[in-house]
Amino acid sequence: MRLGEALAAGISALGLGLDDAIQARLLAYLTLLERWNRTHNLTSVRDPFGMLGHHVLDSLSVLPHLPARARLRLIDVGSGGGLPGVPLAIARPDWRVTLLDSSQKKSAFLRQTAAELGLVNVEVATARAELFAPTRLFDVAIARALSDLAQFAALAAHLLAPGGRLFAMKGGYPREEIAKLPGEISIVATHRLIVPSLKSERHLVILQARAA
């Protein structure tokens, strides 16, 4: 099976209606990620098919659980190689997506990616999450394997507009992390994610700050 066919099959298995133009951009992103990874070590996954499952399809698996509205403002905290932010920005061109990372090297890759793929809905910011002060706050702050839940909330809650939510992508169900959440952070929902071609457990935890 070719990479494009594997992508199409994965998107179908996730139940996402992403057209050919979007799929072509996702493949172009994979090409850039693989190329830069050879010299900049953006991910430990080297094989393009491995990147497809572990990175692109994994990122897209959260789409059904994100707010389904136009002009959503989303920040990817600790974006690294652009995950999950770049696949989400490609799949939802009407959203405004900020990719936040403290590494200049990774930010350079993210800016090059946005430019080469024509992602006009993407902004890249180089800063530590706890020090980042955006001019406008976000509806969603999402992170993939960034830290434990309490630390993620401490780093990113200030980035959210009133009513905004934190989306934490995790591996196994983080029972101990949930038990250690501070009282001002509540669990909105948890979802088990089924990612095509991945045998490992994947979960999404949605958090929100309690009203004062």
C-alpha atoms as a PDB file:
ATOM      1  CA  MET A   1       0.000   0.000   0.000  1.00  0.00           C
ATOM      2  CA  ARG A   2       1.285   3.462  -0.872  1.00  0.00           C
ATOM      3  CA  LEU A   3       1.466   6.217   1.721  1.00  0.00           C
ATOM      4  CA  GLY A   4      -1.407   8.146   0.152  1.00  0.00           C
ATOM      5  CA  GLU A   5      -3.592   5.044   0.162  1.00  0.00           C
ATOM      6  CA  ALA A   6      -2.714   4.373   3.810  1.00  0.00           C
ATOM      7  CA  LEU A   7      -3.612   7.959   4.698  1.00  0.00           C
ATOM      8  CA  ALA A   8      -6.949   7.730   2.889  1.00  0.00           C
ATOM      9  CA  ALA A   9      -7.731   4.428   4.621  1.00  0.00           C
ATOM     10  CA  GLY A  10      -6.848   5.886   8.002  1.00  0.00           C
ATOM     11  CA  ILE A  11      -8.987   8.966   7.468  1.00  0.00           C
ATOM     12  CA  SER A  12     -11.889   6.757   6.431  1.00  0.00           C
ATOM     13  CA  ALA A  13     -11.440   4.570   9.523  1.00  0.00           C
ATOM     14  CA  LEU A  14     -11.566   7.680  11.705  1.00  0.00           C
ATOM     15  CA  GLY A  15     -14.819   8.713  10.040  1.00  0.00           C
ATOM     16  CA  LEU A  16     -13.437  12.043   8.843  1.00  0.00           C
ATOM     17  CA  GLY A  17     -14.559  13.631   5.606  1.00  0.00           C
ATOM     18  CA  LEU A  18     -11.298  15.205   4.466  1.00  0.00           C
ATOM     19  CA  ASP A  19     -11.101  15.947   0.747  1.00  0.00           C
ATOM     20  CA  ASP A  20      -8.261  15.217  -1.682  1.00  0.00           C
ATOM     21  CA  ALA A  21      -6.724  18.685  -1.301  1.00  0.00           C
ATOM     22  CA  ILE A  22      -6.494  18.287   2.458  1.00  0.00           C
ATOM     23  CA  GLN A  23      -5.027  14.801   2.104  1.00  0.00           C
ATOM     24  CA  ALA A  24      -2.427  16.132  -0.336  1.00  0.00           C
ATOM     25  CA  ARG A  25      -1.363  18.755   2.224  1.00  0.00           C
ATOM     26  CA  LEU A  26      -1.123  16.120   4.951  1.00  0.00           C
ATOM     27  CA  LEU A  27       1.175  14.061   2.709  1.00  0.00           C
ATOM     28  CA  ALA A  28       3.257  17.154   1.963  1.00  0.00           C
ATOM     29  CA  TYR A  29       3.574  17.742   5.705  1.00  0.00           C
ATOM     30  CA  LEU A  30       4.781  14.168   6.180  1.00  0.00           C
ATOM     31  CA  THR A  31       7.405  14.741   3.484  1.00  0.00           C
ATOM     32  CA  LEU A  32       8.667  17.877   5.247  1.00  0.00           C
ATOM     33  CA  LEU A  33       8.687  16.169   8.641  1.00  0.00           C
ATOM     34  CA  GLU A  34      10.699  13.249   7.300  1.00  0.00           C
ATOM     35  CA  ARG A  35      13.170  15.526   5.506  1.00  0.00           C
ATOM     36  CA  TRP A  36      13.832  17.811   8.473  1.00  0.00           C
ATOM     37  CA  ASN A  37      13.948  14.875  10.854  1.00  0.00           C
ATOM     38  CA  ARG A  38      17.056  13.538   9.153  1.00  0.00           C
ATOM     39  CA  THR A  39      19.124  16.436  10.498  1.00  0.00           C
ATOM     40  CA  HIS A  40      17.048  18.041  13.270  1.00  0.00           C
ATOM     41  CA  ASN A  41      15.745  14.997  15.163  1.00  0.00           C
ATOM     42  CA  LEU A  42      12.164  16.215  15.502  1.00  0.00           C
ATOM     43  CA  THR A  43      10.813  12.732  16.253  1.00  0.00           C
ATOM     44  CA  SER A  44      12.200   9.309  17.099  1.00  0.00           C
ATOM     45  CA  VAL A  45       9.898   7.775  14.468  1.00  0.00           C
ATOM     46  CA  ARG A  46      11.850   7.554  11.191  1.00  0.00           C
ATOM     47  CA  ASP A  47       9.652   5.551   8.851  1.00  0.00           C
ATOM     48  CA  PRO A  48       7.028   7.550   6.876  1.00  0.00           C
ATOM     49  CA  PHE A  49       4.349   4.923   7.528  1.00  0.00           C
ATOM     50  CA  GLY A  50       5.230   5.048  11.220  1.00  0.00           C
ATOM     51  CA  MET A  51       4.956   8.842  11.155  1.00  0.00           C
ATOM     52  CA  LEU A  52       1.581   8.531   9.464  1.00  0.00           C
ATOM     53  CA  GLY A  53       0.114   6.405  12.247  1.00  0.00           C
ATOM     54  CA  HIS A  54       1.958   7.698  15.299  1.00  0.00           C
ATOM     55  CA  HIS A  55       1.759  11.355  14.342  1.00  0.00           C
ATOM     56  CA  VAL A  56      -0.731  12.360  11.641  1.00  0.00           C
ATOM     57  CA  LEU A  57      -3.578   9.906  12.283  1.00  0.00           C
ATOM     58  CA  ASP A  58      -3.040  10.187  16.030  1.00  0.00           C
ATOM     59  CA  SER A  59      -3.397  13.963  15.758  1.00  0.00           C
ATOM     60  CA  LEU A  60      -6.509  13.721  13.591  1.00  0.00           C
ATOM     61  CA  SER A  61      -8.170  11.268  15.990  1.00  0.00           C
ATOM     62  CA  VAL A  62      -9.086  14.126  18.353  1.00  0.00           C
ATOM     63  CA  LEU A  63     -11.076  16.050  15.720  1.00  0.00           C
ATOM     64  CA  PRO A  64     -14.487  14.548  16.585  1.00  0.00           C
ATOM     65  CA  HIS A  65     -14.019  15.698  20.194  1.00  0.00           C
ATOM     66  CA  LEU A  66     -13.003  19.301  19.459  1.00  0.00           C
ATOM     67  CA  PRO A  67     -15.628  22.064  19.207  1.00  0.00           C
ATOM     68  CA  ALA A  68     -17.189  21.945  15.743  1.00  0.00           C
ATOM     69  CA  ARG A  69     -17.363  25.627  14.963  1.00  0.00           C
ATOM     70  CA  ALA A  70     -15.790  28.014  12.510  1.00  0.00           C
ATOM     71  CA  ARG A  71     -13.066  30.456  13.554  1.00  0.00           C
ATOM     72  CA  LEU A  72     -12.081  28.345  16.542  1.00  0.00           C
ATOM     73  CA  ARG A  73      -8.919  29.678  18.172  1.00  0.00           C
ATOM     74  CA  LEU A  74      -6.600  26.803  19.119  1.00  0.00           C
ATOM     75  CA  ILE A  75      -3.094  26.770  20.570  1.00  0.00           C
ATOM     76  CA  ASP A  76      -0.846  23.706  20.382  1.00  0.00           C
ATOM     77  CA  VAL A  77       1.307  23.895  23.518  1.00  0.00           C
ATOM     78  CA  GLY A  78       4.767  22.374  23.107  1.00  0.00           C
ATOM     79  CA  SER A  79       4.108  21.789  19.414  1.00  0.00           C
ATOM     80  CA  GLY A  80       7.541  20.293  18.638  1.00  0.00           C
ATOM     81  CA  GLY A  81       7.292  18.974  15.095  1.00  0.00           C
ATOM     82  CA  GLY A  82       3.809  20.456  14.722  1.00  0.00           C
ATOM     83  CA  LEU A  83       1.773  17.781  16.460  1.00  0.00           C
ATOM     84  CA  PRO A  84      -1.138  17.869  16.724  1.00  0.00           C
ATOM     85  CA  GLY A  85      -1.375  21.464  15.533  1.00  0.00           C
ATOM     86  CA  VAL A  86      -0.306  21.164  11.887  1.00  0.00           C
ATOM     87  CA  PRO A  87      -2.613  18.241  10.963  1.00  0.00           C
ATOM     88  CA  LEU A  88      -5.493  20.017  12.742  1.00  0.00           C
ATOM     89  CA  ALA A  89      -4.779  23.287  10.920  1.00  0.00           C
ATOM     90  CA  ILE A  90      -4.685  21.446   7.594  1.00  0.00           C
ATOM     91  CA  ALA A  91      -7.933  19.597   8.322  1.00  0.00           C
ATOM     92  CA  ARG A  92      -9.732  22.748   9.551  1.00  0.00           C
ATOM     93  CA  PRO A  93      -8.556  25.701   7.448  1.00  0.00           C
ATOM     94  CA  ASP A  94     -11.262  27.927   8.992  1.00  0.00           C
ATOM     95  CA  TRP A  95      -9.629  27.642  12.437  1.00  0.00           C
ATOM     96  CA  ARG A  96      -6.882  29.924  13.724  1.00  0.00           C
ATOM     97  CA  VAL A  97      -4.049  27.743  15.041  1.00  0.00           C
ATOM     98  CA  THR A  98      -1.031  28.917  17.024  1.00  0.00           C
ATOM     99  CA  LEU A  99       1.949  26.563  17.316  1.00  0.00           C
ATOM    100  CA  LEU A 100       3.847  27.299  20.527  1.00  0.00           C
ATOM    101  CA  ASP A 101       7.299  25.907  21.287  1.00  0.00           C
ATOM    102  CA  SER A 102      10.276  27.186  23.240  1.00  0.00           C
ATOM    103  CA  SER A 103      12.836  25.710  20.802  1.00  0.00           C
ATOM    104  CA  GLN A 104      14.156  28.014  18.077  1.00  0.00           C
ATOM    105  CA  LYS A 105      15.059  24.973  15.955  1.00  0.00           C
ATOM    106  CA  LYS A 106      11.570  23.521  16.117  1.00  0.00           C
ATOM    107  CA  SER A 107       9.976  26.915  15.564  1.00  0.00           C
ATOM    108  CA  ALA A 108      12.060  27.312  12.403  1.00  0.00           C
ATOM    109  CA  PHE A 109      10.668  24.023  11.104  1.00  0.00           C
ATOM    110  CA  LEU A 110       7.124  25.077  11.977  1.00  0.00           C
ATOM    111  CA  ARG A 111       7.483  28.413  10.169  1.00  0.00           C
ATOM    112  CA  GLN A 112       8.960  26.715   7.112  1.00  0.00           C
ATOM    113  CA  THR A 113       6.134  24.185   7.136  1.00  0.00           C
ATOM    114  CA  ALA A 114       3.452  26.863   7.350  1.00  0.00           C
ATOM    115  CA  ALA A 115       5.086  28.778   4.502  1.00  0.00           C
ATOM    116  CA  GLU A 116       5.633  25.796   2.179  1.00  0.00           C
ATOM    117  CA  LEU A 117       2.147  24.405   2.733  1.00  0.00           C
ATOM    118  CA  GLY A 118       0.447  27.794   2.473  1.00  0.00           C
ATOM    119  CA  LEU A 119      -1.126  27.509   5.921  1.00  0.00           C
ATOM    120  CA  VAL A 120      -2.400  31.062   6.255  1.00  0.00           C
ATOM    121  CA  ASN A 121      -4.379  30.054   9.353  1.00  0.00           C
ATOM    122  CA  VAL A 122      -1.212  29.179  11.299  1.00  0.00           C
ATOM    123  CA  GLU A 123       0.960  31.364  13.509  1.00  0.00           C
ATOM    124  CA  VAL A 124       4.160  30.225  15.213  1.00  0.00           C
ATOM    125  CA  ALA A 125       5.285  31.556  18.589  1.00  0.00           C
ATOM    126  CA  THR A 126       8.621  30.819  20.259  1.00  0.00           C
ATOM    127  CA  ALA A 127       8.218  31.018  24.017  1.00  0.00           C
ATOM    128  CA  ARG A 128       7.802  29.020  27.172  1.00  0.00           C
ATOM    129  CA  ALA A 129       4.102  28.328  27.718  1.00  0.00           C
ATOM    130  CA  GLU A 130       3.969  29.846  31.196  1.00  0.00           C
ATOM    131  CA  LEU A 131       5.534  33.095  29.902  1.00  0.00           C
ATOM    132  CA  PHE A 132       3.558  33.408  26.676  1.00  0.00           C
ATOM    133  CA  ALA A 133       1.162  36.364  26.659  1.00  0.00           C
ATOM    134  CA  PRO A 134      -1.004  36.247  23.503  1.00  0.00           C
ATOM    135  CA  THR A 135      -2.850  39.325  22.310  1.00  0.00           C
ATOM    136  CA  ARG A 136      -6.025  37.211  22.085  1.00  0.00           C
ATOM    137  CA  LEU A 137      -6.928  34.229  24.215  1.00  0.00           C
ATOM    138  CA  PHE A 138      -7.878  30.796  22.904  1.00  0.00           C
ATOM    139  CA  ASP A 139     -10.924  28.540  22.913  1.00  0.00           C
ATOM    140  CA  VAL A 140      -8.762  25.407  23.062  1.00  0.00           C
ATOM    141  CA  ALA A 141      -5.280  24.653  24.375  1.00  0.00           C
ATOM    142  CA  ILE A 142      -4.118  21.207  23.306  1.00  0.00           C
ATOM    143  CA  ALA A 143      -0.967  19.254  24.108  1.00  0.00           C
ATOM    144  CA  ARG A 144       0.352  15.866  23.094  1.00  0.00           C
ATOM    145  CA  ALA A 145       2.617  14.045  25.568  1.00  0.00           C
ATOM    146  CA  LEU A 146       3.751  17.362  27.031  1.00  0.00           C
ATOM    147  CA  SER A 147       3.534  16.783  30.789  1.00  0.00           C
ATOM    148  CA  ASP A 148       1.212  15.452  33.441  1.00  0.00           C
ATOM    149  CA  LEU A 149      -2.285  16.911  33.637  1.00  0.00           C
ATOM    150  CA  ALA A 150      -1.685  19.182  36.623  1.00  0.00           C
ATOM    151  CA  GLN A 151       1.431  20.668  35.043  1.00  0.00           C
ATOM    152  CA  PHE A 152      -0.323  21.157  31.708  1.00  0.00           C
ATOM    153  CA  ALA A 153      -3.124  23.047  33.469  1.00  0.00           C
ATOM    154  CA  ALA A 154      -0.590  25.180  35.346  1.00  0.00           C
ATOM    155  CA  LEU A 155       1.281  25.997  32.128  1.00  0.00           C
ATOM    156  CA  ALA A 156      -1.643  26.672  29.820  1.00  0.00           C
ATOM    157  CA  ALA A 157      -4.805  27.682  31.714  1.00  0.00           C
ATOM    158  CA  HIS A 158      -3.904  31.372  31.453  1.00  0.00           C
ATOM    159  CA  LEU A 159      -4.014  31.080  27.634  1.00  0.00           C
ATOM    160  CA  LEU A 160      -7.731  30.314  27.593  1.00  0.00           C
ATOM    161  CA  ALA A 161     -10.638  32.674  27.030  1.00  0.00           C
ATOM    162  CA  PRO A 162     -13.601  32.363  29.434  1.00  0.00           C
ATOM    163  CA  GLY A 163     -15.190  28.951  28.859  1.00  0.00           C
ATOM    164  CA  GLY A 164     -12.080  27.648  27.096  1.00  0.00           C
ATOM    165  CA  ARG A 165     -10.885  24.104  27.646  1.00  0.00           C
ATOM    166  CA  LEU A 166      -7.654  22.136  27.891  1.00  0.00           C
ATOM    167  CA  PHE A 167      -7.298  19.013  25.743  1.00  0.00           C
ATOM    168  CA  ALA A 168      -4.568  16.603  26.870  1.00  0.00           C
ATOM    169  CA  MET A 169      -3.594  13.739  24.557  1.00  0.00           C
ATOM    170  CA  LYS A 170      -2.307  10.825  26.615  1.00  0.00           C
ATOM    171  CA  GLY A 171      -1.319   7.187  26.193  1.00  0.00           C
ATOM    172  CA  GLY A 172      -2.837   4.909  28.837  1.00  0.00           C
ATOM    173  CA  TYR A 173      -5.718   6.187  30.941  1.00  0.00           C
ATOM    174  CA  PRO A 174      -4.023   8.655  33.367  1.00  0.00           C
ATOM    175  CA  ARG A 175      -5.840   7.645  36.547  1.00  0.00           C
ATOM    176  CA  GLU A 176      -3.079   8.786  38.923  1.00  0.00           C
ATOM    177  CA  GLU A 177      -2.693  12.124  37.141  1.00  0.00           C
ATOM    178  CA  ILE A 178      -6.427  12.759  37.364  1.00  0.00           C
ATOM    179  CA  ALA A 179      -6.362  12.024  41.093  1.00  0.00           C
ATOM    180  CA  LYS A 180      -3.632  14.657  41.571  1.00  0.00           C
ATOM    181  CA  LEU A 181      -5.447  17.490  39.776  1.00  0.00           C
ATOM    182  CA  PRO A 182      -5.893  20.625  41.895  1.00  0.00           C
ATOM    183  CA  GLY A 183      -9.390  21.487  43.024  1.00  0.00           C
ATOM    184  CA  GLU A 184      -9.731  24.420  40.639  1.00  0.00           C
ATOM    185  CA  ILE A 185      -9.400  22.133  37.592  1.00  0.00           C
ATOM    186  CA  SER A 186     -12.285  19.838  36.690  1.00  0.00           C
ATOM    187  CA  ILE A 187     -12.578  16.937  34.275  1.00  0.00           C
ATOM    188  CA  VAL A 188     -15.079  17.651  31.510  1.00  0.00           C
ATOM    189  CA  ALA A 189     -14.743  14.310  29.715  1.00  0.00           C
ATOM    190  CA  THR A 190     -12.342  11.497  28.876  1.00  0.00           C
ATOM    191  CA  HIS A 191     -12.325   9.595  25.601  1.00  0.00           C
ATOM    192  CA  ARG A 192     -10.523   6.467  24.474  1.00  0.00           C
ATOM    193  CA  LEU A 193      -9.091   7.128  21.024  1.00  0.00           C
ATOM    194  CA  ILE A 194      -8.872   4.395  18.405  1.00  0.00           C
ATOM    195  CA  VAL A 195      -6.057   5.260  15.998  1.00  0.00           C
ATOM    196  CA  PRO A 196      -5.718   3.162  12.842  1.00  0.00           C
ATOM    197  CA  SER A 197      -2.484   1.116  12.771  1.00  0.00           C
ATOM    198  CA  LEU A 198      -1.667   1.869  16.420  1.00  0.00           C
ATOM    199  CA  LYS A 199      -1.908  -0.922  18.977  1.00  0.00           C
ATOM    200  CA  SER A 200      -0.972   1.221  21.957  1.00  0.00           C
ATOM    201  CA  GLU A 201      -3.626   2.842  24.127  1.00  0.00           C
ATOM    202  CA  ARG A 202      -4.562   6.449  23.415  1.00  0.00           C
ATOM    203  CA  HIS A 203      -6.800   8.700  25.484  1.00  0.00           C
ATOM    204  CA  LEU A 204      -8.007  12.282  25.416  1.00  0.00           C
ATOM    205  CA  VAL A 205      -8.685  14.147  28.661  1.00  0.00           C
ATOM    206  CA  ILE A 206     -10.665  17.390  28.517  1.00  0.00           C
ATOM    207  CA  LEU A 207     -10.159  19.830  31.406  1.00  0.00           C
ATOM    208  CA  GLN A 208     -11.652  23.140  32.443  1.00  0.00           C
ATOM    209  CA  ALA A 209     -10.977  25.625  35.212  1.00  0.00           C
ATOM    210  CA  ARG A 210     -13.826  25.821  37.715  1.00  0.00           C
ATOM    211  CA  ALA A 211     -15.671  29.127  37.901  1.00  0.00           C
ATOM    212  CA  ALA A 212     -14.374  31.334  40.710  1.00  0.00           C
END
